[in-house]
Amino acid sequence: MSQERLYIDKEISWLAFNERVLQEAADKRNPLIERVRFLGIYSNNLDEFYKVRFADVKRRILINEERGSRSGSSHARHLIKKNPI
């Protein structure tokens, strides 16, 4: 196995975690107040992601920095994967 495959992309991992938070918010077995708290966490995480991580990837694309990440994928591919909107 190549070294590149040993790395987990931190941005993709962040989004996967945030998806799990949203699933908790949708779980009707959780009390309503907890579901509202999960929605707040989800919203804050997503705001931070777009302000910091997404903006950094976009900046790298704009300055044509194409060296990619440790996971081996290019920043352009990251941007496409990360843009759920």
N, C-alpha and C. Protein backbone atom coordinates (compact mmCIF):
# COMPACT_ATOMS: atom_id res chain seq x y z
N MET A 1 0.85 -1.18 0.00
CA MET A 1 0.00 0.00 0.00
C MET A 1 0.90 1.24 0.00
N SER A 2 0.55 2.22 -0.82
CA SER A 2 1.36 3.43 -0.90
C SER A 2 1.14 4.29 0.34
N GLN A 3 2.12 5.15 0.62
CA GLN A 3 2.04 6.04 1.78
C GLN A 3 0.84 6.98 1.66
N GLU A 4 0.52 7.41 0.44
CA GLU A 4 -0.57 8.37 0.25
C GLU A 4 -1.90 7.82 0.75
N ARG A 5 -2.11 6.54 0.64
CA ARG A 5 -3.39 5.95 1.05
C ARG A 5 -3.51 5.81 2.57
N LEU A 6 -2.43 6.05 3.29
CA LEU A 6 -2.48 5.94 4.74
C LEU A 6 -3.08 7.18 5.40
N TYR A 7 -3.22 8.26 4.65
CA TYR A 7 -3.73 9.50 5.20
C TYR A 7 -5.23 9.62 4.98
N ILE A 8 -5.91 10.10 5.99
CA ILE A 8 -7.34 10.38 5.87
C ILE A 8 -7.48 11.88 5.68
N ASP A 9 -8.20 12.26 4.67
CA ASP A 9 -8.39 13.68 4.39
C ASP A 9 -9.15 14.33 5.53
N LYS A 10 -8.55 15.34 6.16
CA LYS A 10 -9.17 15.93 7.35
C LYS A 10 -10.44 16.70 7.02
N GLU A 11 -10.51 17.30 5.84
CA GLU A 11 -11.73 18.03 5.48
C GLU A 11 -12.89 17.08 5.23
N ILE A 12 -12.62 15.98 4.53
CA ILE A 12 -13.67 14.99 4.28
C ILE A 12 -14.10 14.37 5.61
N SER A 13 -13.14 14.11 6.50
CA SER A 13 -13.45 13.56 7.81
C SER A 13 -14.32 14.54 8.61
N TRP A 14 -14.00 15.83 8.52
CA TRP A 14 -14.77 16.87 9.23
C TRP A 14 -16.22 16.85 8.74
N LEU A 15 -16.41 16.77 7.43
CA LEU A 15 -17.77 16.76 6.88
C LEU A 15 -18.52 15.48 7.27
N ALA A 16 -17.81 14.36 7.32
CA ALA A 16 -18.44 13.10 7.72
C ALA A 16 -18.90 13.19 9.18
N PHE A 17 -18.05 13.78 10.03
CA PHE A 17 -18.44 13.97 11.43
C PHE A 17 -19.68 14.86 11.52
N ASN A 18 -19.68 15.93 10.76
CA ASN A 18 -20.81 16.85 10.81
C ASN A 18 -22.09 16.19 10.32
N GLU A 19 -21.95 15.28 9.38
CA GLU A 19 -23.12 14.53 8.91
C GLU A 19 -23.69 13.67 10.04
N ARG A 20 -22.80 13.07 10.84
CA ARG A 20 -23.26 12.27 11.97
C ARG A 20 -23.97 13.15 13.02
N VAL A 21 -23.48 14.37 13.20
CA VAL A 21 -24.14 15.30 14.12
C VAL A 21 -25.56 15.60 13.62
N LEU A 22 -25.69 15.82 12.33
CA LEU A 22 -27.01 16.09 11.75
C LEU A 22 -27.94 14.88 11.90
N GLN A 23 -27.39 13.69 11.77
CA GLN A 23 -28.20 12.48 11.97
C GLN A 23 -28.73 12.40 13.40
N GLU A 24 -27.91 12.80 14.35
CA GLU A 24 -28.37 12.83 15.75
C GLU A 24 -29.50 13.84 15.92
N ALA A 25 -29.40 14.96 15.23
CA ALA A 25 -30.46 15.97 15.31
C ALA A 25 -31.77 15.46 14.72
N ALA A 26 -31.68 14.58 13.76
CA ALA A 26 -32.87 14.05 13.11
C ALA A 26 -33.45 12.83 13.84
N ASP A 27 -32.70 12.29 14.79
CA ASP A 27 -33.12 11.08 15.51
C ASP A 27 -34.21 11.42 16.53
N LYS A 28 -35.41 10.97 16.28
CA LYS A 28 -36.55 11.29 17.14
C LYS A 28 -36.46 10.61 18.51
N ARG A 29 -35.51 9.71 18.68
CA ARG A 29 -35.32 9.09 20.00
C ARG A 29 -34.63 10.06 20.96
N ASN A 30 -33.95 11.07 20.43
CA ASN A 30 -33.30 12.08 21.28
C ASN A 30 -34.34 13.10 21.73
N PRO A 31 -34.22 13.59 22.96
CA PRO A 31 -35.14 14.64 23.42
C PRO A 31 -35.03 15.88 22.52
N LEU A 32 -36.12 16.60 22.42
CA LEU A 32 -36.17 17.76 21.53
C LEU A 32 -35.05 18.77 21.82
N ILE A 33 -34.78 19.05 23.08
CA ILE A 33 -33.75 20.03 23.42
C ILE A 33 -32.37 19.56 22.92
N GLU A 34 -32.11 18.26 23.01
CA GLU A 34 -30.84 17.72 22.52
C GLU A 34 -30.76 17.82 21.00
N ARG A 35 -31.88 17.59 20.34
CA ARG A 35 -31.91 17.70 18.88
C ARG A 35 -31.61 19.12 18.44
N VAL A 36 -32.16 20.10 19.17
CA VAL A 36 -31.90 21.51 18.87
C VAL A 36 -30.42 21.82 19.09
N ARG A 37 -29.85 21.29 20.16
CA ARG A 37 -28.41 21.49 20.42
C ARG A 37 -27.57 20.91 19.29
N PHE A 38 -27.93 19.71 18.83
CA PHE A 38 -27.19 19.11 17.72
C PHE A 38 -27.27 19.99 16.47
N LEU A 39 -28.43 20.58 16.23
CA LEU A 39 -28.56 21.49 15.08
C LEU A 39 -27.65 22.70 15.23
N GLY A 40 -27.52 23.22 16.43
CA GLY A 40 -26.61 24.33 16.68
C GLY A 40 -25.16 23.95 16.43
N ILE A 41 -24.78 22.77 16.89
CA ILE A 41 -23.41 22.28 16.67
C ILE A 41 -23.17 22.10 15.18
N TYR A 42 -24.13 21.49 14.49
CA TYR A 42 -24.01 21.28 13.05
C TYR A 42 -23.82 22.61 12.32
N SER A 43 -24.64 23.58 12.66
CA SER A 43 -24.58 24.89 12.01
C SER A 43 -23.23 25.57 12.25
N ASN A 44 -22.77 25.57 13.49
CA ASN A 44 -21.47 26.18 13.81
C ASN A 44 -20.33 25.48 13.08
N ASN A 45 -20.37 24.15 13.05
CA ASN A 45 -19.32 23.40 12.36
C ASN A 45 -19.29 23.73 10.87
N LEU A 46 -20.47 23.80 10.27
CA LEU A 46 -20.54 24.08 8.84
C LEU A 46 -20.07 25.50 8.53
N ASP A 47 -20.44 26.45 9.37
CA ASP A 47 -19.96 27.83 9.20
C ASP A 47 -18.45 27.88 9.26
N GLU A 48 -17.88 27.25 10.27
CA GLU A 48 -16.42 27.25 10.42
C GLU A 48 -15.74 26.56 9.24
N PHE A 49 -16.34 25.46 8.78
CA PHE A 49 -15.76 24.74 7.66
C PHE A 49 -15.66 25.64 6.43
N TYR A 50 -16.74 26.33 6.11
CA TYR A 50 -16.73 27.18 4.92
C TYR A 50 -15.87 28.42 5.09
N LYS A 51 -15.80 28.95 6.29
CA LYS A 51 -14.96 30.13 6.51
C LYS A 51 -13.48 29.80 6.47
N VAL A 52 -13.11 28.62 6.93
CA VAL A 52 -11.69 28.28 7.06
C VAL A 52 -11.24 27.27 6.01
N ARG A 53 -11.77 26.07 6.06
CA ARG A 53 -11.28 24.98 5.20
C ARG A 53 -11.60 25.20 3.73
N PHE A 54 -12.87 25.47 3.44
CA PHE A 54 -13.30 25.65 2.06
C PHE A 54 -12.61 26.85 1.43
N ALA A 55 -12.50 27.92 2.20
CA ALA A 55 -11.84 29.13 1.70
C ALA A 55 -10.37 28.86 1.39
N ASP A 56 -9.70 28.05 2.20
CA ASP A 56 -8.30 27.73 1.96
C ASP A 56 -8.13 26.91 0.68
N VAL A 57 -8.98 25.94 0.47
CA VAL A 57 -8.90 25.13 -0.75
C VAL A 57 -9.16 26.01 -1.97
N LYS A 58 -10.16 26.87 -1.88
CA LYS A 58 -10.48 27.76 -2.99
C LYS A 58 -9.30 28.70 -3.29
N ARG A 59 -8.67 29.22 -2.23
CA ARG A 59 -7.51 30.11 -2.40
C ARG A 59 -6.37 29.37 -3.11
N ARG A 60 -6.14 28.13 -2.73
CA ARG A 60 -5.06 27.35 -3.36
C ARG A 60 -5.34 27.12 -4.85
N ILE A 61 -6.60 26.91 -5.17
CA ILE A 61 -6.94 26.74 -6.58
C ILE A 61 -6.72 28.04 -7.34
N LEU A 62 -7.13 29.15 -6.74
CA LEU A 62 -7.00 30.45 -7.41
C LEU A 62 -5.54 30.85 -7.64
N ILE A 63 -4.65 30.46 -6.74
CA ILE A 63 -3.23 30.79 -6.95
C ILE A 63 -2.52 29.67 -7.70
N ASN A 64 -3.31 28.70 -8.16
CA ASN A 64 -2.80 27.61 -9.00
C ASN A 64 -1.79 26.74 -8.27
N GLU A 65 -2.02 26.51 -7.01
CA GLU A 65 -1.17 25.62 -6.23
C GLU A 65 -1.73 24.21 -6.38
N GLU A 66 -1.14 23.42 -7.22
CA GLU A 66 -1.70 22.11 -7.57
C GLU A 66 -0.92 20.94 -6.98
N ARG A 67 -0.26 21.13 -5.88
CA ARG A 67 0.51 20.01 -5.36
C ARG A 67 -0.35 18.96 -4.68
N GLY A 68 -1.59 19.31 -4.35
CA GLY A 68 -2.49 18.33 -3.76
C GLY A 68 -2.27 18.16 -2.27
N SER A 69 -2.91 17.16 -1.71
CA SER A 69 -2.83 16.91 -0.28
C SER A 69 -2.09 15.60 -0.03
N ARG A 70 -1.88 15.29 1.23
CA ARG A 70 -1.18 14.05 1.58
C ARG A 70 -1.98 12.82 1.16
N SER A 71 -3.27 12.96 1.04
CA SER A 71 -4.08 11.82 0.64
C SER A 71 -3.96 11.56 -0.86
N GLY A 72 -3.29 12.47 -1.56
CA GLY A 72 -3.02 12.24 -2.97
C GLY A 72 -3.99 12.87 -3.93
N SER A 73 -5.02 13.53 -3.45
CA SER A 73 -5.97 14.13 -4.39
C SER A 73 -5.70 15.62 -4.52
N SER A 74 -6.08 16.16 -5.65
CA SER A 74 -5.82 17.58 -5.92
C SER A 74 -6.82 18.46 -5.18
N HIS A 75 -6.47 19.71 -5.03
CA HIS A 75 -7.36 20.65 -4.35
C HIS A 75 -8.66 20.84 -5.12
N ALA A 76 -8.61 20.79 -6.43
CA ALA A 76 -9.83 20.93 -7.23
C ALA A 76 -10.80 19.80 -6.91
N ARG A 77 -10.28 18.58 -6.80
CA ARG A 77 -11.14 17.45 -6.45
C ARG A 77 -11.71 17.62 -5.04
N HIS A 78 -10.88 18.14 -4.12
CA HIS A 78 -11.36 18.41 -2.76
C HIS A 78 -12.53 19.38 -2.81
N LEU A 79 -12.39 20.44 -3.58
CA LEU A 79 -13.42 21.47 -3.65
C LEU A 79 -14.73 20.88 -4.16
N ILE A 80 -14.64 20.04 -5.16
CA ILE A 80 -15.85 19.41 -5.71
C ILE A 80 -16.47 18.47 -4.69
N LYS A 81 -15.65 17.65 -4.01
CA LYS A 81 -16.17 16.71 -3.02
C LYS A 81 -16.82 17.42 -1.85
N LYS A 82 -16.25 18.56 -1.45
CA LYS A 82 -16.67 19.24 -0.24
C LYS A 82 -17.83 20.17 -0.42
N ASN A 83 -18.21 20.46 -1.64
CA ASN A 83 -19.23 21.46 -1.87
C ASN A 83 -20.61 20.80 -1.96
N PRO A 84 -21.26 20.57 -0.81
CA PRO A 84 -22.56 19.90 -0.83
C PRO A 84 -23.69 20.79 -1.32
N ILE A 85 -23.44 22.08 -1.46
CA ILE A 85 -24.50 23.01 -1.87
C ILE A 85 -24.57 23.08 -3.38
